[in-house]
Structure formats: C-alpha cells, structure tokens
Amino acid sequence: MKNAAYLLLAIFLSVLLIPIGITYTILRYIIFPYHVWQTFSNFMLKWALSIDGLGNVILATLLNDIMITKKGYPFGNWHETISQVIGDNQLNGTLTKSGHIFNKILDKVFEPNHCLNAVRNKKLRCLIYLRRLETIESSEDI
C-alpha cells in the first residue's frame, strides 16, 4: 500500500513539476543563449533517455513476454533503455522473432547496430563510473 502511495505522489508531482521544469529551462536558454543549441540538445537527449527508462519499467511485462525468451535478460530496470536490454538479449541469443524485428526497426530508425551500440555505451559508462569510484577510494578524503 505504501508503494501505491509513492506512485500516486510521484505521478502528481510529475504532472505538476515537469511543465514548470521545461518552461524554466526553455526561458533560461532564451535569456542566457550561450551555447544554447548544444546545451538544449543535451537536455532533450537526457529527457528522451529518461522517457525510455520509464518505458522500460512500464512496458516490462509486455516486452518480457513478446521480445525475449524465458532465459533472456529481463526488461524493467529504470536505469536502462529498451535498446540496451534488446542489445543484451541480442548478444545472448535470447531475442524472440518479434525482438529481432524490433531490433531491425531500431537499426533503420536510429543507426546501424543501434542496440549493440547502446550496450557498448552502457559498458563504457560503467567503466568510467568504476574508475571514479577507484579514485575516490584511493584518495585520503574518505
């Protein structure tokens, strides 16, 4: 029951605050136009990836049933994109026929080997994060 309350609160706050955040960001870039397109473009990419992660959670049951075999790497992690999970399953050989078709559609829409590139980028981000952790752990500031 507590999780349902958290979900309702999150939905309420999203509906209330997302338009404010978008409006503020657009106005800020209009008022302070330094590198506006590059900065706003990065904002739009992060926004798209956040929506993708949300879709990975909300559509997890459906995607798990139609895109991957029973032994596949499951959808449903908010910090992963749908493309990353498809790419992981492509590498593992656990995509269903519809998973292969969707993978080919993503390759046509975005770039060749889109899902495999998403997996590679995820691994690179993990390596960068681990190196940062090693730097923090080795410093005397802890």
N, C-alpha and C. Protein backbone atom coordinates (compact mmCIF):
# COMPACT_ATOMS: atom_id res chain seq x y z
N MET A 1 0.82 -1.20 0.00
CA MET A 1 0.00 0.00 0.00
C MET A 1 0.87 1.27 0.00
N LYS A 2 1.98 1.21 0.73
CA LYS A 2 2.88 2.36 0.79
C LYS A 2 3.45 2.65 -0.60
N ASN A 3 3.79 1.61 -1.36
CA ASN A 3 4.33 1.82 -2.71
C ASN A 3 3.31 2.47 -3.64
N ALA A 4 2.04 2.12 -3.46
CA ALA A 4 0.99 2.74 -4.27
C ALA A 4 0.91 4.24 -3.95
N ALA A 5 1.05 4.59 -2.69
CA ALA A 5 1.03 6.00 -2.30
C ALA A 5 2.22 6.73 -2.91
N TYR A 6 3.39 6.09 -2.91
CA TYR A 6 4.58 6.69 -3.53
C TYR A 6 4.34 6.92 -5.02
N LEU A 7 3.75 5.94 -5.68
CA LEU A 7 3.48 6.06 -7.11
C LEU A 7 2.52 7.22 -7.38
N LEU A 8 1.44 7.30 -6.63
CA LEU A 8 0.48 8.39 -6.83
C LEU A 8 1.12 9.75 -6.56
N LEU A 9 1.95 9.84 -5.53
CA LEU A 9 2.64 11.09 -5.23
C LEU A 9 3.61 11.45 -6.36
N ALA A 10 4.33 10.46 -6.87
CA ALA A 10 5.27 10.71 -7.96
C ALA A 10 4.55 11.17 -9.21
N ILE A 11 3.41 10.57 -9.53
CA ILE A 11 2.64 10.98 -10.71
C ILE A 11 2.13 12.40 -10.52
N PHE A 12 1.59 12.71 -9.34
CA PHE A 12 1.08 14.05 -9.05
C PHE A 12 2.19 15.08 -9.19
N LEU A 13 3.34 14.82 -8.57
CA LEU A 13 4.45 15.77 -8.64
C LEU A 13 4.99 15.91 -10.06
N SER A 14 5.00 14.82 -10.82
CA SER A 14 5.45 14.88 -12.22
C SER A 14 4.54 15.77 -13.04
N VAL A 15 3.25 15.56 -12.91
CA VAL A 15 2.28 16.36 -13.67
C VAL A 15 2.41 17.84 -13.29
N LEU A 16 2.67 18.11 -12.02
CA LEU A 16 2.80 19.48 -11.55
C LEU A 16 4.14 20.11 -11.93
N LEU A 17 5.24 19.38 -11.74
CA LEU A 17 6.57 19.98 -11.84
C LEU A 17 7.23 19.87 -13.22
N ILE A 18 6.92 18.86 -14.00
CA ILE A 18 7.56 18.71 -15.31
C ILE A 18 7.29 19.92 -16.21
N PRO A 19 6.05 20.39 -16.32
CA PRO A 19 5.84 21.59 -17.15
C PRO A 19 6.61 22.81 -16.63
N ILE A 20 6.72 22.94 -15.33
CA ILE A 20 7.48 24.06 -14.75
C ILE A 20 8.95 23.93 -15.13
N GLY A 21 9.51 22.71 -15.01
CA GLY A 21 10.91 22.50 -15.35
C GLY A 21 11.20 22.75 -16.82
N ILE A 22 10.33 22.30 -17.69
CA ILE A 22 10.52 22.52 -19.12
C ILE A 22 10.44 24.01 -19.46
N THR A 23 9.42 24.68 -18.92
CA THR A 23 9.26 26.11 -19.17
C THR A 23 10.46 26.89 -18.66
N TYR A 24 10.91 26.60 -17.46
CA TYR A 24 12.07 27.28 -16.89
C TYR A 24 13.31 27.07 -17.76
N THR A 25 13.53 25.83 -18.18
CA THR A 25 14.71 25.52 -18.99
C THR A 25 14.68 26.28 -20.31
N ILE A 26 13.55 26.28 -20.98
CA ILE A 26 13.43 27.00 -22.25
C ILE A 26 13.66 28.49 -22.05
N LEU A 27 13.02 29.06 -21.03
CA LEU A 27 13.20 30.50 -20.77
C LEU A 27 14.64 30.84 -20.41
N ARG A 28 15.28 29.99 -19.64
CA ARG A 28 16.67 30.22 -19.26
C ARG A 28 17.56 30.24 -20.50
N TYR A 29 17.33 29.32 -21.43
CA TYR A 29 18.14 29.29 -22.65
C TYR A 29 17.85 30.48 -23.56
N ILE A 30 16.64 31.02 -23.50
CA ILE A 30 16.32 32.22 -24.27
C ILE A 30 17.02 33.44 -23.65
N ILE A 31 17.00 33.53 -22.33
CA ILE A 31 17.60 34.67 -21.64
C ILE A 31 19.12 34.60 -21.66
N PHE A 32 19.68 33.42 -21.49
CA PHE A 32 21.13 33.22 -21.48
C PHE A 32 21.50 32.28 -22.63
N PRO A 33 21.61 32.79 -23.85
CA PRO A 33 21.75 31.92 -25.02
C PRO A 33 23.16 31.40 -25.30
N TYR A 34 24.04 31.37 -24.32
CA TYR A 34 25.40 30.88 -24.53
C TYR A 34 25.37 29.38 -24.83
N HIS A 35 25.86 28.98 -25.98
CA HIS A 35 25.85 27.58 -26.44
C HIS A 35 24.45 26.96 -26.31
N VAL A 36 23.44 27.74 -26.62
CA VAL A 36 22.07 27.32 -26.36
C VAL A 36 21.71 26.01 -27.07
N TRP A 37 22.06 25.86 -28.34
CA TRP A 37 21.59 24.67 -29.03
C TRP A 37 22.26 23.41 -28.48
N GLN A 38 23.56 23.46 -28.25
CA GLN A 38 24.26 22.28 -27.73
C GLN A 38 23.71 21.91 -26.35
N THR A 39 23.54 22.90 -25.50
CA THR A 39 23.04 22.64 -24.15
C THR A 39 21.61 22.13 -24.18
N PHE A 40 20.76 22.77 -24.98
CA PHE A 40 19.36 22.35 -25.07
C PHE A 40 19.26 20.99 -25.74
N SER A 41 20.12 20.72 -26.69
CA SER A 41 20.14 19.42 -27.35
C SER A 41 20.48 18.31 -26.33
N ASN A 42 21.46 18.57 -25.46
CA ASN A 42 21.80 17.61 -24.41
C ASN A 42 20.62 17.40 -23.47
N PHE A 43 19.92 18.48 -23.13
CA PHE A 43 18.73 18.40 -22.29
C PHE A 43 17.68 17.49 -22.94
N MET A 44 17.45 17.68 -24.24
CA MET A 44 16.46 16.87 -24.94
C MET A 44 16.86 15.39 -24.98
N LEU A 45 18.16 15.11 -25.17
CA LEU A 45 18.62 13.73 -25.17
C LEU A 45 18.41 13.09 -23.80
N LYS A 46 18.77 13.79 -22.74
CA LYS A 46 18.56 13.25 -21.39
C LYS A 46 17.08 13.01 -21.11
N TRP A 47 16.25 13.92 -21.59
CA TRP A 47 14.81 13.78 -21.43
C TRP A 47 14.32 12.54 -22.18
N ALA A 48 14.78 12.35 -23.40
CA ALA A 48 14.39 11.18 -24.19
C ALA A 48 14.84 9.88 -23.51
N LEU A 49 16.07 9.86 -22.98
CA LEU A 49 16.56 8.67 -22.30
C LEU A 49 15.78 8.38 -21.03
N SER A 50 15.35 9.42 -20.33
CA SER A 50 14.53 9.24 -19.13
C SER A 50 13.18 8.63 -19.48
N ILE A 51 12.59 9.11 -20.57
CA ILE A 51 11.31 8.54 -21.02
C ILE A 51 11.51 7.09 -21.44
N ASP A 52 12.63 6.80 -22.09
CA ASP A 52 12.95 5.43 -22.50
C ASP A 52 13.07 4.52 -21.27
N GLY A 53 13.75 4.99 -20.23
CA GLY A 53 13.87 4.21 -19.00
C GLY A 53 12.52 3.98 -18.35
N LEU A 54 11.66 5.00 -18.38
CA LEU A 54 10.31 4.86 -17.85
C LEU A 54 9.52 3.82 -18.66
N GLY A 55 9.68 3.88 -19.97
CA GLY A 55 9.03 2.89 -20.83
C GLY A 55 9.52 1.48 -20.55
N ASN A 56 10.80 1.34 -20.24
CA ASN A 56 11.37 0.04 -19.91
C ASN A 56 10.70 -0.53 -18.67
N VAL A 57 10.36 0.31 -17.71
CA VAL A 57 9.68 -0.15 -16.49
C VAL A 57 8.21 -0.43 -16.76
N ILE A 58 7.52 0.53 -17.36
CA ILE A 58 6.07 0.40 -17.54
C ILE A 58 5.71 -0.73 -18.51
N LEU A 59 6.53 -0.93 -19.53
CA LEU A 59 6.24 -1.96 -20.55
C LEU A 59 6.94 -3.29 -20.26
N ALA A 60 7.60 -3.42 -19.11
CA ALA A 60 8.43 -4.59 -18.83
C ALA A 60 7.69 -5.91 -19.02
N THR A 61 6.51 -6.04 -18.46
CA THR A 61 5.78 -7.31 -18.56
C THR A 61 5.48 -7.66 -20.01
N LEU A 62 5.00 -6.69 -20.77
CA LEU A 62 4.70 -6.91 -22.19
C LEU A 62 5.96 -7.25 -22.96
N LEU A 63 7.02 -6.44 -22.79
CA LEU A 63 8.26 -6.67 -23.54
C LEU A 63 8.90 -8.01 -23.17
N ASN A 64 8.87 -8.37 -21.89
CA ASN A 64 9.41 -9.67 -21.48
C ASN A 64 8.67 -10.82 -22.13
N ASP A 65 7.36 -10.66 -22.31
CA ASP A 65 6.56 -11.73 -22.91
C ASP A 65 6.75 -11.84 -24.42
N ILE A 66 6.98 -10.71 -25.12
CA ILE A 66 7.00 -10.79 -26.59
C ILE A 66 8.38 -10.61 -27.22
N MET A 67 9.35 -10.06 -26.48
CA MET A 67 10.64 -9.75 -27.09
C MET A 67 11.76 -10.73 -26.75
N ILE A 68 11.64 -11.42 -25.62
CA ILE A 68 12.75 -12.28 -25.18
C ILE A 68 12.26 -13.66 -24.79
N THR A 69 13.17 -14.61 -24.83
CA THR A 69 12.85 -15.96 -24.38
C THR A 69 12.84 -15.99 -22.85
N LYS A 70 12.41 -17.09 -22.30
CA LYS A 70 12.31 -17.22 -20.83
C LYS A 70 13.65 -17.05 -20.13
N LYS A 71 14.75 -17.36 -20.80
CA LYS A 71 16.08 -17.24 -20.19
C LYS A 71 16.75 -15.90 -20.52
N GLY A 72 16.00 -15.00 -21.13
CA GLY A 72 16.57 -13.72 -21.55
C GLY A 72 16.81 -12.77 -20.39
N TYR A 73 17.61 -11.75 -20.68
CA TYR A 73 17.85 -10.68 -19.71
C TYR A 73 16.59 -9.82 -19.67
N PRO A 74 15.96 -9.65 -18.51
CA PRO A 74 14.63 -9.04 -18.47
C PRO A 74 14.62 -7.52 -18.60
N PHE A 75 13.53 -7.02 -19.14
CA PHE A 75 13.22 -5.60 -19.14
C PHE A 75 12.75 -5.21 -17.74
N GLY A 76 12.76 -3.92 -17.45
CA GLY A 76 12.17 -3.45 -16.20
C GLY A 76 13.07 -2.63 -15.32
N ASN A 77 14.36 -2.49 -15.68
CA ASN A 77 15.25 -1.66 -14.88
C ASN A 77 15.18 -0.22 -15.37
N TRP A 78 14.85 0.71 -14.48
CA TRP A 78 14.64 2.10 -14.85
C TRP A 78 15.90 2.77 -15.37
N HIS A 79 17.06 2.26 -15.00
CA HIS A 79 18.32 2.89 -15.41
C HIS A 79 18.85 2.35 -16.73
N GLU A 80 18.06 1.55 -17.41
CA GLU A 80 18.45 1.02 -18.72
C GLU A 80 17.41 1.42 -19.76
N THR A 81 17.87 1.59 -20.98
CA THR A 81 16.94 1.86 -22.07
C THR A 81 16.45 0.54 -22.65
N ILE A 82 15.37 0.63 -23.38
CA ILE A 82 14.82 -0.55 -24.05
C ILE A 82 15.85 -1.08 -25.04
N SER A 83 16.55 -0.18 -25.72
CA SER A 83 17.57 -0.59 -26.69
C SER A 83 18.70 -1.37 -26.02
N GLN A 84 19.11 -0.95 -24.83
CA GLN A 84 20.17 -1.66 -24.11
C GLN A 84 19.76 -3.09 -23.78
N VAL A 85 18.53 -3.26 -23.35
CA VAL A 85 18.06 -4.61 -22.99
C VAL A 85 17.94 -5.47 -24.25
N ILE A 86 17.45 -4.89 -25.33
CA ILE A 86 17.38 -5.65 -26.59
C ILE A 86 18.79 -6.03 -27.02
N GLY A 87 19.74 -5.10 -26.91
CA GLY A 87 21.13 -5.39 -27.28
C GLY A 87 21.73 -6.50 -26.43
N ASP A 88 21.48 -6.47 -25.11
CA ASP A 88 21.97 -7.54 -24.23
C ASP A 88 21.41 -8.89 -24.68
N ASN A 89 20.12 -8.90 -25.00
CA ASN A 89 19.50 -10.15 -25.43
C ASN A 89 19.95 -10.58 -26.82
N GLN A 90 20.26 -9.62 -27.67
CA GLN A 90 20.81 -9.95 -28.98
C GLN A 90 22.16 -10.66 -28.80
N LEU A 91 22.99 -10.12 -27.92
CA LEU A 91 24.30 -10.74 -27.66
C LEU A 91 24.16 -12.13 -27.04
N ASN A 92 23.15 -12.30 -26.20
CA ASN A 92 22.94 -13.58 -25.52
C ASN A 92 22.15 -14.59 -26.36
N GLY A 93 21.64 -14.16 -27.51
CA GLY A 93 20.85 -15.05 -28.35
C GLY A 93 19.49 -15.38 -27.75
N THR A 94 18.91 -14.43 -27.00
CA THR A 94 17.64 -14.70 -26.32
C THR A 94 16.50 -13.80 -26.81
N LEU A 95 16.64 -13.24 -28.01
CA LEU A 95 15.54 -12.47 -28.60
C LEU A 95 14.57 -13.42 -29.30
N THR A 96 13.29 -13.10 -29.19
CA THR A 96 12.27 -13.83 -29.94
C THR A 96 12.23 -13.24 -31.36
N LYS A 97 11.37 -13.80 -32.21
CA LYS A 97 11.23 -13.29 -33.56
C LYS A 97 10.80 -11.83 -33.54
N SER A 98 9.84 -11.48 -32.68
CA SER A 98 9.41 -10.08 -32.60
C SER A 98 10.52 -9.19 -32.05
N GLY A 99 11.36 -9.73 -31.16
CA GLY A 99 12.52 -8.99 -30.67
C GLY A 99 13.50 -8.67 -31.78
N HIS A 100 13.74 -9.65 -32.65
CA HIS A 100 14.63 -9.43 -33.81
C HIS A 100 14.05 -8.38 -34.76
N ILE A 101 12.74 -8.45 -34.97
CA ILE A 101 12.09 -7.49 -35.87
C ILE A 101 12.21 -6.07 -35.29
N PHE A 102 11.93 -5.93 -34.00
CA PHE A 102 12.02 -4.62 -33.36
C PHE A 102 13.46 -4.09 -33.39
N ASN A 103 14.41 -4.98 -33.19
CA ASN A 103 15.82 -4.61 -33.27
C ASN A 103 16.16 -4.06 -34.65
N LYS A 104 15.67 -4.72 -35.70
CA LYS A 104 15.93 -4.25 -37.06
C LYS A 104 15.27 -2.90 -37.33
N ILE A 105 14.08 -2.69 -36.76
CA ILE A 105 13.40 -1.40 -36.91
C ILE A 105 14.24 -0.29 -36.25
N LEU A 106 14.75 -0.56 -35.05
CA LEU A 106 15.58 0.44 -34.36
C LEU A 106 16.85 0.73 -35.15
N ASP A 107 17.41 -0.30 -35.78
CA ASP A 107 18.60 -0.10 -36.63
C ASP A 107 18.29 0.84 -37.80
N LYS A 108 17.10 0.71 -38.37
CA LYS A 108 16.72 1.56 -39.51
C LYS A 108 16.41 2.98 -39.05
N VAL A 109 15.71 3.11 -37.92
CA VAL A 109 15.28 4.43 -37.44
C VAL A 109 16.45 5.26 -36.91
N PHE A 110 17.33 4.64 -36.13
CA PHE A 110 18.39 5.40 -35.47
C PHE A 110 19.74 5.27 -36.16
N GLU A 111 20.31 4.09 -36.19
CA GLU A 111 21.65 3.86 -36.74
C GLU A 111 21.84 2.36 -36.89
N PRO A 112 22.74 1.93 -37.75
CA PRO A 112 23.06 0.50 -37.80
C PRO A 112 23.62 0.04 -36.45
N ASN A 113 23.24 -1.14 -36.03
CA ASN A 113 23.69 -1.73 -34.76
C ASN A 113 23.33 -0.86 -33.55
N HIS A 114 22.17 -0.24 -33.60
CA HIS A 114 21.76 0.68 -32.53
C HIS A 114 21.76 0.02 -31.16
N CYS A 115 21.17 -1.14 -31.05
CA CYS A 115 21.06 -1.79 -29.73
C CYS A 115 22.42 -2.28 -29.24
N LEU A 116 23.26 -2.78 -30.13
CA LEU A 116 24.61 -3.18 -29.72
C LEU A 116 25.43 -1.96 -29.30
N ASN A 117 25.25 -0.83 -30.00
CA ASN A 117 25.92 0.40 -29.60
C ASN A 117 25.44 0.86 -28.22
N ALA A 118 24.15 0.68 -27.94
CA ALA A 118 23.60 1.06 -26.63
C ALA A 118 24.25 0.24 -25.52
N VAL A 119 24.45 -1.05 -25.77
CA VAL A 119 25.12 -1.91 -24.79
C VAL A 119 26.57 -1.45 -24.60
N ARG A 120 27.25 -1.17 -25.70
CA ARG A 120 28.64 -0.71 -25.61
C ARG A 120 28.74 0.59 -24.81
N ASN A 121 27.84 1.52 -25.09
CA ASN A 121 27.84 2.79 -24.36
C ASN A 121 27.55 2.60 -22.88
N LYS A 122 26.65 1.66 -22.57
CA LYS A 122 26.35 1.36 -21.16
C LYS A 122 27.60 0.82 -20.47
N LYS A 123 28.31 -0.06 -21.12
CA LYS A 123 29.53 -0.62 -20.53
C LYS A 123 30.60 0.44 -20.35
N LEU A 124 30.72 1.36 -21.32
CA LEU A 124 31.70 2.45 -21.20
C LEU A 124 31.35 3.36 -20.02
N ARG A 125 30.05 3.67 -19.85
CA ARG A 125 29.65 4.50 -18.70
C ARG A 125 29.94 3.79 -17.39
N CYS A 126 29.74 2.49 -17.35
CA CYS A 126 30.05 1.72 -16.14
C CYS A 126 31.54 1.76 -15.83
N LEU A 127 32.37 1.62 -16.85
CA LEU A 127 33.82 1.69 -16.64
C LEU A 127 34.26 3.05 -16.12
N ILE A 128 33.69 4.10 -16.68
CA ILE A 128 34.02 5.46 -16.21
C ILE A 128 33.61 5.61 -14.75
N TYR A 129 32.43 5.12 -14.41
CA TYR A 129 31.94 5.20 -13.03
C TYR A 129 32.85 4.42 -12.09
N LEU A 130 33.26 3.23 -12.49
CA LEU A 130 34.16 2.42 -11.65
C LEU A 130 35.50 3.11 -11.44
N ARG A 131 36.01 3.75 -12.48
CA ARG A 131 37.27 4.48 -12.34
C ARG A 131 37.12 5.65 -11.37
N ARG A 132 35.99 6.32 -11.41
CA ARG A 132 35.74 7.41 -10.46
C ARG A 132 35.70 6.85 -9.03
N LEU A 133 35.04 5.72 -8.85
CA LEU A 133 34.99 5.10 -7.52
C LEU A 133 36.38 4.73 -7.03
N GLU A 134 37.20 4.18 -7.92
CA GLU A 134 38.57 3.82 -7.53
C GLU A 134 39.36 5.06 -7.11
N THR A 135 39.15 6.17 -7.83
CA THR A 135 39.83 7.41 -7.49
C THR A 135 39.38 7.91 -6.12
N ILE A 136 38.09 7.84 -5.85
CA ILE A 136 37.56 8.27 -4.57
C ILE A 136 38.08 7.38 -3.45
N GLU A 137 38.05 6.07 -3.66
CA GLU A 137 38.51 5.13 -2.64
C GLU A 137 40.00 5.28 -2.33
N SER A 138 40.78 5.68 -3.31
CA SER A 138 42.22 5.80 -3.11
C SER A 138 42.62 7.16 -2.54
N SER A 139 41.68 8.11 -2.54
CA SER A 139 42.02 9.42 -2.00
C SER A 139 41.95 9.40 -0.48
N GLU A 140 42.58 10.36 0.14
CA GLU A 140 42.61 10.43 1.59
C GLU A 140 41.42 11.20 2.14
N ASP A 141 40.54 11.66 1.27
CA ASP A 141 39.39 12.46 1.70
C ASP A 141 38.30 11.62 2.37
N ILE A 142 38.38 10.31 2.25
CA ILE A 142 37.32 9.45 2.79
C ILE A 142 37.52 9.23 4.27
